[in-house]
Amino acid sequence: MRSILSGKIVEVSTLCESDRNTMYELMERYYDCTNWDRFNKDLDEKKHVILLFAGKNRDIKGFSTLMQVNTVINGRKTRAIFSGDTVVDQEYWGQRVLGRKFLSYLFMKQARHPLSPLYWLLISKGYKTYLLMSNNFREHYPRFETPTPSSRQKLIDVFANQLFGDSYNAESGCCRFSESFGQVRREVAPLDCAQVEKNARIKFFVDKNPGWSNGDELVCLARMSWFMPFYYLTKSWWKLFVRSWFKPGVGESKGSVSSTKSAKSILEQQH
């Protein structure tokens, strides 16, 4: 039986060599075109990292690196938390510890400067990362439901140009680097046509970033609001309720097979 993950936010400067080795081994397992020197250089540029632990030995089973990016638009200071390398051991997929820790990090940053807008800046080379944003943040762009407002597109362009320079293409909204910074291994999260057509968000991601399998990154932005933690918790509790109430056999015992199918449909839309 797999153990339950726990999470902790630490400063990158506190990581020991063993921590870095374990983190890099995780990256190598799930991404092609990784590079030890580049991994460490990128890590050293970040301020904090979310570490996910499992077991009595607290082995590292996942992580996500974080840094704050500042800019001024129309005379107003705007902040974004940029998340870099992110990976979770496949054995622990589905646990929501990373999301909760990341949300607590955003909430802490927002609390320190409550009147200053705060965003999550993400570059996504895999549909699972894009779904993490689109499934959990009410205001996020780009998205299939509506075009990106000009004010939000300007934010995306400014932040992306600041961080990635000529590697960012404003027309496509994607970053293409001279050499791949690592792409998801094809066997890790394979996509088939049926899966793409079934989920509008996955289809949008694939259409918007057709070079994702070669390491191209879609630049995304989500707004952090004070009501975000409550939205996230409500959604988490709802999913737990649906899973417990409509688990196999429960719906049939109440003569409600259609309810079970409906609940399954709800869950699929939220992943």
Protein backbone atom coordinates (compact mmCIF):
# COMPACT_ATOMS: atom_id res chain seq x y z
CA MET A 1 0.00 0.00 0.00
CA ARG A 2 1.42 3.36 -0.98
CA SER A 3 2.04 5.88 1.78
CA ILE A 4 0.46 9.31 2.05
CA LEU A 5 2.60 12.19 0.86
CA SER A 6 3.54 15.09 3.08
CA GLY A 7 4.88 18.40 1.86
CA LYS A 8 7.21 21.14 2.98
CA ILE A 9 8.29 24.46 1.49
CA VAL A 10 12.01 25.11 1.95
CA GLU A 11 14.59 27.56 0.67
CA VAL A 12 16.69 26.20 -2.18
CA SER A 13 19.83 27.21 -0.30
CA THR A 14 19.05 24.60 2.39
CA LEU A 15 19.07 21.63 0.00
CA CYS A 16 21.92 19.18 0.48
CA GLU A 17 23.69 17.27 -2.29
CA SER A 18 21.63 14.14 -1.57
CA ASP A 19 18.40 16.14 -2.01
CA ARG A 20 19.58 17.47 -5.36
CA ASN A 21 20.61 14.01 -6.55
CA THR A 22 17.21 12.55 -5.66
CA MET A 23 15.38 15.42 -7.34
CA TYR A 24 17.43 15.04 -10.50
CA GLU A 25 16.83 11.27 -10.56
CA LEU A 26 13.08 12.00 -10.55
CA MET A 27 13.50 14.43 -13.44
CA GLU A 28 15.49 11.88 -15.43
CA ARG A 29 12.83 9.23 -14.86
CA TYR A 30 10.01 11.30 -16.34
CA TYR A 31 11.71 13.73 -18.74
CA ASP A 32 13.95 13.32 -21.78
CA CYS A 33 16.85 15.68 -22.55
CA THR A 34 17.69 16.44 -18.92
CA ASN A 35 21.08 17.84 -17.99
CA TRP A 36 22.67 17.84 -14.52
CA ASP A 37 24.45 21.20 -14.84
CA ARG A 38 21.41 22.91 -16.34
CA PHE A 39 19.17 21.40 -13.65
CA ASN A 40 21.36 22.85 -10.89
CA LYS A 41 21.69 26.23 -12.59
CA ASP A 42 17.92 26.46 -12.92
CA LEU A 43 17.43 25.32 -9.33
CA ASP A 44 19.88 27.92 -7.99
CA GLU A 45 17.88 30.66 -9.72
CA LYS A 46 14.81 29.75 -7.66
CA LYS A 47 14.14 30.96 -4.12
CA HIS A 48 11.94 28.15 -2.75
CA VAL A 49 11.01 24.57 -3.55
CA ILE A 50 8.05 22.46 -2.49
CA LEU A 51 9.29 19.02 -1.48
CA LEU A 52 6.98 16.00 -1.27
CA PHE A 53 7.97 13.19 1.10
CA ALA A 54 6.81 9.61 1.64
CA GLY A 55 7.55 6.82 4.11
CA LYS A 56 9.30 6.75 7.46
CA ASN A 57 12.55 7.80 5.82
CA ARG A 58 10.83 10.82 4.25
CA ASP A 59 12.12 10.01 0.79
CA ILE A 60 11.61 12.79 -1.76
CA LYS A 61 8.87 11.73 -4.18
CA GLY A 62 8.18 15.01 -5.89
CA PHE A 63 9.02 18.71 -6.01
CA SER A 64 8.23 22.03 -7.63
CA THR A 65 10.61 25.00 -7.77
CA LEU A 66 9.37 28.56 -7.18
CA MET A 67 10.51 32.14 -7.68
CA GLN A 68 8.87 35.56 -7.62
CA VAL A 69 8.96 37.75 -10.72
CA ASN A 70 8.17 41.48 -10.53
CA THR A 71 7.25 43.95 -13.22
CA VAL A 72 5.55 47.33 -13.58
CA ILE A 73 2.63 47.75 -15.98
CA ASN A 74 0.83 51.07 -16.42
CA GLY A 75 2.66 52.38 -13.35
CA ARG A 76 1.49 49.55 -11.12
CA LYS A 77 3.74 46.92 -9.58
CA THR A 78 2.62 43.40 -10.46
CA ARG A 79 3.95 40.14 -9.06
CA ALA A 80 3.90 36.59 -10.33
CA ILE A 81 5.07 33.35 -8.81
CA PHE A 82 6.85 31.37 -11.47
CA SER A 83 6.97 27.61 -11.03
CA GLY A 84 9.83 25.87 -12.76
CA ASP A 85 10.76 22.17 -12.75
CA THR A 86 7.89 20.12 -11.37
CA VAL A 87 7.57 16.35 -11.06
CA VAL A 88 5.75 13.82 -8.86
CA ASP A 89 6.50 10.10 -8.70
CA GLN A 90 3.78 8.34 -10.68
CA GLU A 91 2.98 6.07 -7.73
CA TYR A 92 1.61 9.14 -5.93
CA TRP A 93 -0.36 10.75 -8.74
CA GLY A 94 -3.79 11.79 -7.58
CA GLN A 95 -2.72 12.99 -4.14
CA ARG A 96 -3.38 16.71 -3.76
CA VAL A 97 -0.54 17.67 -1.42
CA LEU A 98 1.39 19.62 -4.05
CA GLY A 99 -1.67 21.71 -4.92
CA ARG A 100 -2.40 22.50 -1.27
CA LYS A 101 1.20 23.47 -0.52
CA PHE A 102 1.41 25.64 -3.61
CA LEU A 103 -1.85 27.35 -2.71
CA SER A 104 -0.60 28.03 0.83
CA TYR A 105 2.54 29.58 -0.69
CA LEU A 106 0.46 31.87 -2.90
CA PHE A 107 -1.79 32.79 0.02
CA MET A 108 1.25 33.70 2.15
CA LYS A 109 2.63 35.89 -0.64
CA GLN A 110 -0.73 37.59 -1.11
CA ALA A 111 -1.10 38.23 2.63
CA ARG A 112 2.22 40.09 2.75
CA HIS A 113 1.06 42.58 0.11
CA PRO A 114 -2.76 42.34 0.12
CA LEU A 115 -3.35 45.25 -2.26
CA SER A 116 -0.85 44.15 -4.88
CA PRO A 117 -2.18 41.73 -7.53
CA LEU A 118 -0.57 38.29 -7.58
CA TYR A 119 -0.47 35.75 -10.41
CA TRP A 120 0.80 32.27 -11.05
CA LEU A 121 3.05 32.18 -14.12
CA LEU A 122 3.44 28.73 -15.60
CA ILE A 123 5.09 27.31 -18.69
CA SER A 124 3.60 23.97 -19.60
CA LYS A 125 5.11 21.28 -21.82
CA GLY A 126 2.67 18.62 -20.65
CA TYR A 127 -1.11 18.51 -20.50
CA LYS A 128 -1.14 17.36 -16.86
CA THR A 129 0.57 20.56 -15.74
CA TYR A 130 -1.87 22.63 -17.78
CA LEU A 131 -4.79 20.77 -16.19
CA LEU A 132 -3.40 21.51 -12.73
CA MET A 133 -3.93 25.19 -13.47
CA SER A 134 -7.09 25.05 -15.55
CA ASN A 135 -8.92 22.68 -13.21
CA ASN A 136 -8.17 24.64 -10.05
CA PHE A 137 -8.00 28.35 -10.88
CA ARG A 138 -11.20 30.10 -11.87
CA GLU A 139 -9.34 32.86 -13.71
CA HIS A 140 -6.65 31.41 -15.94
CA TYR A 141 -5.41 31.99 -19.49
CA PRO A 142 -5.21 30.86 -22.18
CA ARG A 143 -8.39 28.77 -22.05
CA PHE A 144 -10.81 27.22 -24.48
CA GLU A 145 -13.91 28.91 -23.05
CA THR A 146 -12.99 32.49 -23.96
CA PRO A 147 -10.24 34.52 -25.65
CA THR A 148 -7.55 35.97 -23.40
CA PRO A 149 -8.40 39.60 -22.48
CA SER A 150 -5.88 42.12 -23.78
CA SER A 151 -4.88 43.17 -20.24
CA ARG A 152 -4.02 39.57 -19.29
CA GLN A 153 -2.28 38.93 -22.60
CA LYS A 154 -0.09 41.96 -21.97
CA LEU A 155 0.86 40.50 -18.60
CA ILE A 156 1.74 37.17 -20.19
CA ASP A 157 3.83 38.86 -22.87
CA VAL A 158 5.69 41.11 -20.44
CA PHE A 159 6.53 38.32 -17.99
CA ALA A 160 7.47 35.88 -20.77
CA ASN A 161 9.74 38.38 -22.52
CA GLN A 162 11.36 39.26 -19.20
CA LEU A 163 12.14 35.63 -18.40
CA PHE A 164 12.66 34.00 -21.78
CA GLY A 165 13.56 36.75 -24.25
CA ASP A 166 13.68 35.67 -27.88
CA SER A 167 12.66 32.13 -26.98
CA TYR A 168 9.11 33.42 -26.46
CA ASN A 169 6.83 33.80 -29.48
CA ALA A 170 4.00 36.21 -28.68
CA GLU A 171 1.99 35.08 -31.71
CA SER A 172 1.84 31.44 -30.66
CA GLY A 173 2.06 32.08 -26.92
CA CYS A 174 4.74 29.39 -26.61
CA CYS A 175 8.43 29.20 -25.80
CA ARG A 176 10.72 27.25 -28.08
CA PHE A 177 14.28 27.01 -26.85
CA SER A 178 17.37 26.46 -28.98
CA GLU A 179 17.81 23.14 -27.21
CA SER A 180 15.15 21.21 -25.33
CA PHE A 181 15.10 21.85 -21.60
CA GLY A 182 13.44 18.48 -21.16
CA GLN A 183 10.21 17.04 -22.47
CA VAL A 184 7.88 14.53 -20.91
CA ARG A 185 8.80 10.98 -21.90
CA ARG A 186 6.21 9.64 -24.33
CA GLU A 187 5.53 6.57 -22.21
CA VAL A 188 4.83 8.65 -19.07
CA ALA A 189 1.66 10.47 -20.12
CA PRO A 190 0.72 9.19 -23.59
CA LEU A 191 -2.15 10.82 -25.41
CA ASP A 192 -4.49 9.11 -27.84
CA CYS A 193 -7.07 10.74 -30.10
CA ALA A 194 -10.00 9.53 -28.03
CA GLN A 195 -8.56 11.05 -24.87
CA VAL A 196 -7.91 14.37 -26.59
CA GLU A 197 -11.40 14.59 -28.07
CA LYS A 198 -13.01 13.61 -24.77
CA ASN A 199 -11.52 16.46 -22.73
CA ALA A 200 -11.93 20.01 -24.06
CA ARG A 201 -9.05 21.33 -21.96
CA ILE A 202 -6.60 18.69 -23.17
CA LYS A 203 -7.69 19.30 -26.75
CA PHE A 204 -7.17 23.04 -26.30
CA PHE A 205 -3.68 22.48 -24.87
CA VAL A 206 -2.64 20.19 -27.73
CA ASP A 207 -4.02 22.60 -30.36
CA LYS A 208 -2.44 25.62 -28.68
CA ASN A 209 0.94 23.95 -28.15
CA PRO A 210 1.39 21.39 -30.96
CA GLY A 211 5.12 21.13 -30.21
CA TRP A 212 4.62 20.04 -26.59
CA SER A 213 6.07 16.58 -27.19
CA ASN A 214 9.31 18.19 -28.43
CA GLY A 215 9.65 20.41 -25.37
CA ASP A 216 7.76 23.55 -26.46
CA GLU A 217 6.20 25.37 -23.48
CA LEU A 218 2.82 27.10 -23.39
CA VAL A 219 2.97 30.25 -21.25
CA CYS A 220 0.00 30.44 -18.86
CA LEU A 221 -1.23 32.87 -16.24
CA ALA A 222 -3.69 32.47 -13.35
CA ARG A 223 -4.96 35.07 -10.89
CA MET A 224 -4.63 34.48 -7.17
CA SER A 225 -7.58 35.80 -5.20
CA TRP A 226 -8.48 35.79 -1.55
CA PHE A 227 -11.32 33.41 -2.38
CA MET A 228 -9.08 30.88 -4.06
CA PRO A 229 -8.41 28.71 -0.97
CA PHE A 230 -12.15 28.41 -0.29
CA TYR A 231 -12.82 27.51 -3.93
CA TYR A 232 -10.10 24.86 -3.82
CA LEU A 233 -11.29 23.36 -0.52
CA THR A 234 -14.92 23.31 -1.65
CA LYS A 235 -13.95 21.54 -4.84
CA SER A 236 -11.81 19.01 -2.95
CA TRP A 237 -14.60 18.21 -0.50
CA TRP A 238 -17.09 17.85 -3.35
CA LYS A 239 -14.86 15.34 -5.12
CA LEU A 240 -14.44 13.33 -1.92
CA PHE A 241 -18.20 13.31 -1.40
CA VAL A 242 -18.92 12.15 -4.93
CA ARG A 243 -16.30 9.40 -4.74
CA SER A 244 -17.54 8.11 -1.40
CA TRP A 245 -21.25 8.29 -2.24
CA PHE A 246 -21.06 6.86 -5.72
CA LYS A 247 -18.33 4.28 -5.23
CA PRO A 248 -18.88 0.98 -7.12
CA GLY A 249 -21.87 -0.86 -5.80
CA VAL A 250 -23.42 2.06 -3.90
CA GLY A 251 -25.33 3.49 -6.81
CA GLU A 252 -26.55 0.06 -7.93
CA SER A 253 -27.74 -0.83 -4.43
CA LYS A 254 -29.97 2.22 -4.53
CA GLY A 255 -31.19 1.47 -7.99
CA SER A 256 -29.39 4.44 -9.43
CA VAL A 257 -26.96 3.25 -12.08
CA SER A 258 -27.45 6.48 -14.02
CA SER A 259 -26.39 8.47 -10.93
CA THR A 260 -23.16 6.49 -10.75
CA LYS A 261 -22.42 7.24 -14.40
CA SER A 262 -23.25 10.90 -13.84
CA ALA A 263 -20.87 11.12 -10.88
CA LYS A 264 -18.13 9.41 -12.90
CA SER A 265 -18.67 11.99 -15.62
CA ILE A 266 -18.32 14.84 -13.10
CA LEU A 267 -15.03 13.47 -11.81
CA GLU A 268 -13.61 12.98 -15.28
CA GLN A 269 -14.34 16.60 -16.13
CA GLN A 270 -12.45 17.79 -13.06
CA HIS A 271 -9.22 15.86 -13.82
